[in-house]
Amino acid sequence: MNTRLVSVSRAMTTHSTAEAQRKAAKVAAAAQLLSFATVVGSNFGILQRLLTDDPARTAGNILAHETLFRVGLMGFVLYSIGVVVQSAALYVVLRPVDQNLTLLSFLGRLIHGFTWLVVTLNLFTALRLLSRPEYAGVLPPGQLPVLARLYLSGFDQYYVGLLFWSLGATIGAYVWLKSGFIPRSLAVFGILASGWCVACTAALLIRPTFSNVVNLWAFDTPMALFEIALSVLLLVRGLRSEGP
């Protein structure tokens, strides 16, 4: 009798875990697609239209479209929230497969999300420098837009965050391969694409001229395609039942 109760209890626990994994997979996929669309729209649809190589012109664009600029910053905040939600949901999905590796992947993604908050804070600092009159009298004429443009770049923060994202994605893709939840070919592509991004980003941080060898767009595009394909697959089909 006790053996039967234990078996029933284990079956119920297994079913509950599998159900939680299926729901978390949907949440992770939705968070990835929504946050990705948000950050692309905020960055390329708003911020990149206001930023130029000329600090004075950039300052004029931002002050003339301050509300639009703030909307773009809120998009970055929403992206950071989406990364946290996605990271937590993926942890629920993959933890039963390999708890230690899944935790490392979770931490890598989480650090990436926090770097976007640093980028956003720097952008708010630049806006404060440009919009508050008390700062204009402190620096020599023409220096304020240059200082603000430095805060607006976000280049270093992004690539430091990208290193952690790609490390987390590489480990995560390996756990996906172990899980059997997704096609093996997709998981292998994820390992290769994310590992490529790790190597390129590390090379860029060590030697900035590496961007002359490999275009910056080639760093993270394959990894982004993997994550989009994975998210679409999880939303449409869900997890394979033959996973552990």
Protein backbone atom coordinates (compact mmCIF):
# COMPACT_ATOMS: atom_id res chain seq x y z
CA MET A 1 0.00 0.00 0.00
CA ASN A 2 2.79 2.40 0.92
CA THR A 3 4.61 1.56 -2.31
CA ARG A 4 1.49 2.35 -4.30
CA LEU A 5 1.05 5.68 -2.53
CA VAL A 6 4.67 6.60 -3.22
CA SER A 7 4.24 5.72 -6.91
CA VAL A 8 1.09 7.81 -7.15
CA SER A 9 2.80 10.71 -5.39
CA ARG A 10 5.79 10.54 -7.75
CA ALA A 11 3.49 10.42 -10.78
CA MET A 12 1.59 13.48 -9.55
CA THR A 13 4.85 15.33 -8.91
CA THR A 14 6.17 14.46 -12.37
CA HIS A 15 2.94 15.61 -13.99
CA SER A 16 2.98 18.86 -12.01
CA THR A 17 6.60 19.53 -12.98
CA ALA A 18 5.93 18.81 -16.65
CA GLU A 19 2.90 21.10 -16.63
CA ALA A 20 4.93 23.89 -15.00
CA GLN A 21 7.65 23.43 -17.64
CA ARG A 22 5.14 23.67 -20.50
CA LYS A 23 3.63 26.87 -19.11
CA ALA A 24 7.04 28.38 -18.39
CA ALA A 25 8.17 27.59 -21.95
CA LYS A 26 5.25 29.60 -23.32
CA VAL A 27 6.02 32.49 -20.97
CA ALA A 28 9.71 32.49 -21.93
CA ALA A 29 8.86 32.48 -25.63
CA ALA A 30 6.34 35.32 -25.33
CA ALA A 31 8.71 37.38 -23.16
CA GLN A 32 11.55 36.91 -25.65
CA LEU A 33 9.52 37.93 -28.71
CA LEU A 34 7.82 40.90 -27.03
CA SER A 35 10.99 42.23 -25.41
CA PHE A 36 12.98 41.79 -28.62
CA ALA A 37 10.39 43.72 -30.63
CA THR A 38 10.36 46.41 -27.94
CA VAL A 39 14.13 46.94 -27.85
CA VAL A 40 14.44 46.92 -31.65
CA GLY A 41 11.65 49.47 -31.99
CA SER A 42 13.02 51.68 -29.19
CA ASN A 43 16.60 51.59 -30.42
CA PHE A 44 16.29 51.75 -34.20
CA GLY A 45 12.86 53.35 -34.44
CA ILE A 46 13.50 56.13 -31.92
CA LEU A 47 16.99 56.57 -30.47
CA GLN A 48 19.04 55.96 -33.59
CA ARG A 49 16.94 58.54 -35.43
CA LEU A 50 17.87 61.17 -32.84
CA LEU A 51 21.55 60.32 -32.33
CA THR A 52 24.18 61.58 -34.76
CA ASP A 53 27.97 61.87 -34.81
CA ASP A 54 27.63 65.61 -34.13
CA PRO A 55 27.08 66.15 -30.36
CA ALA A 56 25.47 69.58 -30.83
CA ARG A 57 23.01 68.28 -33.41
CA THR A 58 22.24 65.25 -31.24
CA ALA A 59 21.51 67.53 -28.28
CA GLY A 60 19.17 69.61 -30.43
CA ASN A 61 17.34 66.51 -31.65
CA ILE A 62 16.80 65.19 -28.13
CA LEU A 63 15.60 68.52 -26.74
CA ALA A 64 13.23 68.97 -29.68
CA HIS A 65 11.79 65.45 -29.21
CA GLU A 66 12.19 64.92 -25.48
CA THR A 67 8.94 63.01 -25.03
CA LEU A 68 9.79 60.66 -27.89
CA PHE A 69 13.24 60.14 -26.36
CA ARG A 70 11.67 59.24 -23.02
CA VAL A 71 9.38 56.75 -24.75
CA GLY A 72 12.49 55.05 -26.14
CA LEU A 73 14.00 54.89 -22.66
CA MET A 74 10.85 53.27 -21.31
CA GLY A 75 11.19 50.72 -24.09
CA PHE A 76 14.64 49.85 -22.73
CA VAL A 77 13.20 49.46 -19.23
CA LEU A 78 10.49 47.13 -20.56
CA TYR A 79 13.16 45.14 -22.39
CA SER A 80 15.08 44.66 -19.14
CA ILE A 81 11.91 43.43 -17.45
CA GLY A 82 11.31 41.04 -20.35
CA VAL A 83 14.82 39.62 -20.02
CA VAL A 84 14.27 38.94 -16.30
CA VAL A 85 10.93 37.23 -17.00
CA GLN A 86 12.41 35.15 -19.82
CA SER A 87 15.42 34.15 -17.72
CA ALA A 88 13.26 33.01 -14.80
CA ALA A 89 10.90 31.07 -17.09
CA LEU A 90 13.78 29.30 -18.85
CA TYR A 91 15.17 28.35 -15.45
CA VAL A 92 11.89 26.62 -14.62
CA VAL A 93 11.94 24.75 -17.95
CA LEU A 94 15.54 23.55 -17.89
CA ARG A 95 16.29 23.14 -14.17
CA PRO A 96 15.12 19.49 -14.06
CA VAL A 97 17.55 18.70 -16.89
CA ASP A 98 20.70 20.17 -15.28
CA GLN A 99 20.27 22.46 -12.31
CA ASN A 100 23.84 23.78 -12.12
CA LEU A 101 24.23 24.62 -15.82
CA THR A 102 20.75 26.13 -15.92
CA LEU A 103 21.65 28.38 -12.99
CA LEU A 104 24.77 29.59 -14.83
CA SER A 105 22.70 30.29 -17.93
CA PHE A 106 20.14 32.15 -15.82
CA LEU A 107 22.82 34.35 -14.22
CA GLY A 108 24.37 35.20 -17.60
CA ARG A 109 21.04 36.34 -19.00
CA LEU A 110 20.20 38.22 -15.81
CA ILE A 111 23.44 40.21 -15.94
CA HIS A 112 22.67 41.07 -19.56
CA GLY A 113 19.29 42.42 -18.49
CA PHE A 114 20.86 44.54 -15.76
CA THR A 115 23.37 46.06 -18.19
CA TRP A 116 20.42 47.44 -20.16
CA LEU A 117 19.31 49.19 -16.99
CA VAL A 118 22.79 50.73 -16.76
CA VAL A 119 22.47 51.89 -20.37
CA THR A 120 19.06 53.39 -19.58
CA LEU A 121 20.37 55.20 -16.50
CA ASN A 122 23.18 56.70 -18.59
CA LEU A 123 20.65 57.87 -21.16
CA PHE A 124 18.60 59.55 -18.43
CA THR A 125 21.81 61.20 -17.17
CA ALA A 126 22.49 62.57 -20.65
CA LEU A 127 18.95 63.92 -20.84
CA ARG A 128 19.33 65.61 -17.45
CA LEU A 129 22.62 67.22 -18.54
CA LEU A 130 21.01 68.63 -21.65
CA SER A 131 17.66 69.71 -20.25
CA ARG A 132 18.59 71.25 -16.89
CA PRO A 133 19.89 74.84 -17.15
CA GLU A 134 22.08 74.61 -14.05
CA TYR A 135 24.52 72.31 -15.84
CA ALA A 136 25.01 74.67 -18.78
CA GLY A 137 26.88 77.25 -16.70
CA VAL A 138 29.33 74.79 -15.16
CA LEU A 139 31.08 73.56 -18.30
CA PRO A 140 32.68 75.64 -21.08
CA PRO A 141 30.45 76.33 -24.09
CA GLY A 142 30.18 73.31 -26.40
CA GLN A 143 31.45 70.82 -23.80
CA LEU A 144 28.06 69.85 -22.41
CA PRO A 145 26.80 68.20 -25.63
CA VAL A 146 30.09 66.26 -25.88
CA LEU A 147 29.73 64.96 -22.33
CA ALA A 148 26.10 64.06 -22.95
CA ARG A 149 27.04 62.26 -26.18
CA LEU A 150 29.44 60.08 -24.20
CA TYR A 151 26.60 58.95 -21.93
CA LEU A 152 24.40 58.38 -24.98
CA SER A 153 26.70 55.90 -26.72
CA GLY A 154 26.01 52.80 -24.60
CA PHE A 155 28.61 50.93 -26.67
CA ASP A 156 30.78 49.51 -23.90
CA GLN A 157 27.85 48.56 -21.70
CA TYR A 158 26.12 46.73 -24.52
CA TYR A 159 29.09 44.56 -25.42
CA VAL A 160 29.90 43.72 -21.81
CA GLY A 161 26.27 42.66 -21.41
CA LEU A 162 26.41 40.81 -24.72
CA LEU A 163 29.32 38.72 -23.45
CA PHE A 164 27.24 37.52 -20.50
CA TRP A 165 24.15 37.00 -22.68
CA SER A 166 26.06 34.89 -25.18
CA LEU A 167 27.72 32.87 -22.40
CA GLY A 168 24.32 32.21 -20.85
CA ALA A 169 22.81 31.39 -24.24
CA THR A 170 25.64 28.94 -25.06
CA ILE A 171 25.17 27.07 -21.80
CA GLY A 172 21.41 27.18 -22.21
CA ALA A 173 21.60 25.78 -25.75
CA TYR A 174 23.69 22.88 -24.46
CA VAL A 175 21.06 22.14 -21.81
CA TRP A 176 18.39 22.30 -24.52
CA LEU A 177 20.43 19.70 -26.42
CA LYS A 178 20.52 17.43 -23.36
CA SER A 179 16.82 17.88 -22.70
CA GLY A 180 15.39 16.53 -25.94
CA PHE A 181 12.69 19.21 -25.68
CA ILE A 182 13.58 20.77 -29.05
CA PRO A 183 15.04 19.41 -32.31
CA ARG A 184 18.69 18.46 -31.94
CA SER A 185 19.68 20.48 -35.02
CA LEU A 186 18.22 23.68 -33.54
CA ALA A 187 20.03 23.14 -30.24
CA VAL A 188 23.35 22.54 -32.03
CA PHE A 189 22.84 25.70 -34.07
CA GLY A 190 22.21 27.56 -30.82
CA ILE A 191 25.47 26.31 -29.32
CA LEU A 192 27.47 27.30 -32.40
CA ALA A 193 25.76 30.69 -32.84
CA SER A 194 26.06 31.65 -29.17
CA GLY A 195 29.63 30.35 -28.89
CA TRP A 196 30.56 32.42 -31.95
CA CYS A 197 29.13 35.50 -30.23
CA VAL A 198 31.17 34.76 -27.08
CA ALA A 199 34.39 34.54 -29.09
CA CYS A 200 33.71 37.70 -31.14
CA THR A 201 32.63 39.79 -28.16
CA ALA A 202 35.61 38.75 -26.06
CA ALA A 203 37.94 39.58 -28.96
CA LEU A 204 36.32 43.01 -29.35
CA LEU A 205 36.67 43.85 -25.66
CA ILE A 206 40.35 42.85 -25.74
CA ARG A 207 41.12 44.44 -29.10
CA PRO A 208 38.63 47.08 -30.33
CA THR A 209 40.00 46.93 -33.89
CA PHE A 210 38.51 43.41 -34.14
CA SER A 211 35.40 45.11 -35.57
CA ASN A 212 37.47 45.77 -38.71
CA VAL A 213 37.87 42.00 -39.11
CA VAL A 214 34.33 40.90 -38.27
CA ASN A 215 31.40 43.26 -38.69
CA LEU A 216 29.60 44.06 -35.44
CA TRP A 217 26.29 42.90 -36.91
CA ALA A 218 27.77 39.43 -37.41
CA PHE A 219 28.43 39.03 -33.69
CA ASP A 220 24.93 38.54 -32.33
CA THR A 221 22.70 38.11 -35.40
CA PRO A 222 23.02 34.28 -35.56
CA MET A 223 22.31 34.02 -31.81
CA ALA A 224 19.31 36.33 -32.10
CA LEU A 225 17.95 34.21 -34.96
CA PHE A 226 18.31 31.10 -32.79
CA GLU A 227 16.43 32.69 -29.91
CA ILE A 228 13.64 33.91 -32.20
CA ALA A 229 13.32 30.49 -33.86
CA LEU A 230 13.30 28.80 -30.46
CA SER A 231 10.62 31.15 -29.14
CA VAL A 232 8.38 30.67 -32.17
CA LEU A 233 8.80 26.89 -31.85
CA LEU A 234 7.88 26.94 -28.16
CA LEU A 235 4.83 29.09 -28.79
CA VAL A 236 3.52 27.08 -31.72
CA ARG A 237 4.44 23.52 -30.76
CA GLY A 238 5.60 23.61 -27.17
CA LEU A 239 8.01 21.17 -25.57
CA ARG A 240 8.59 17.72 -27.00
CA SER A 241 7.00 15.08 -24.84
CA GLU A 242 10.06 12.82 -25.02
CA GLY A 243 12.08 15.24 -22.90
CA PRO A 244 13.10 14.10 -19.40
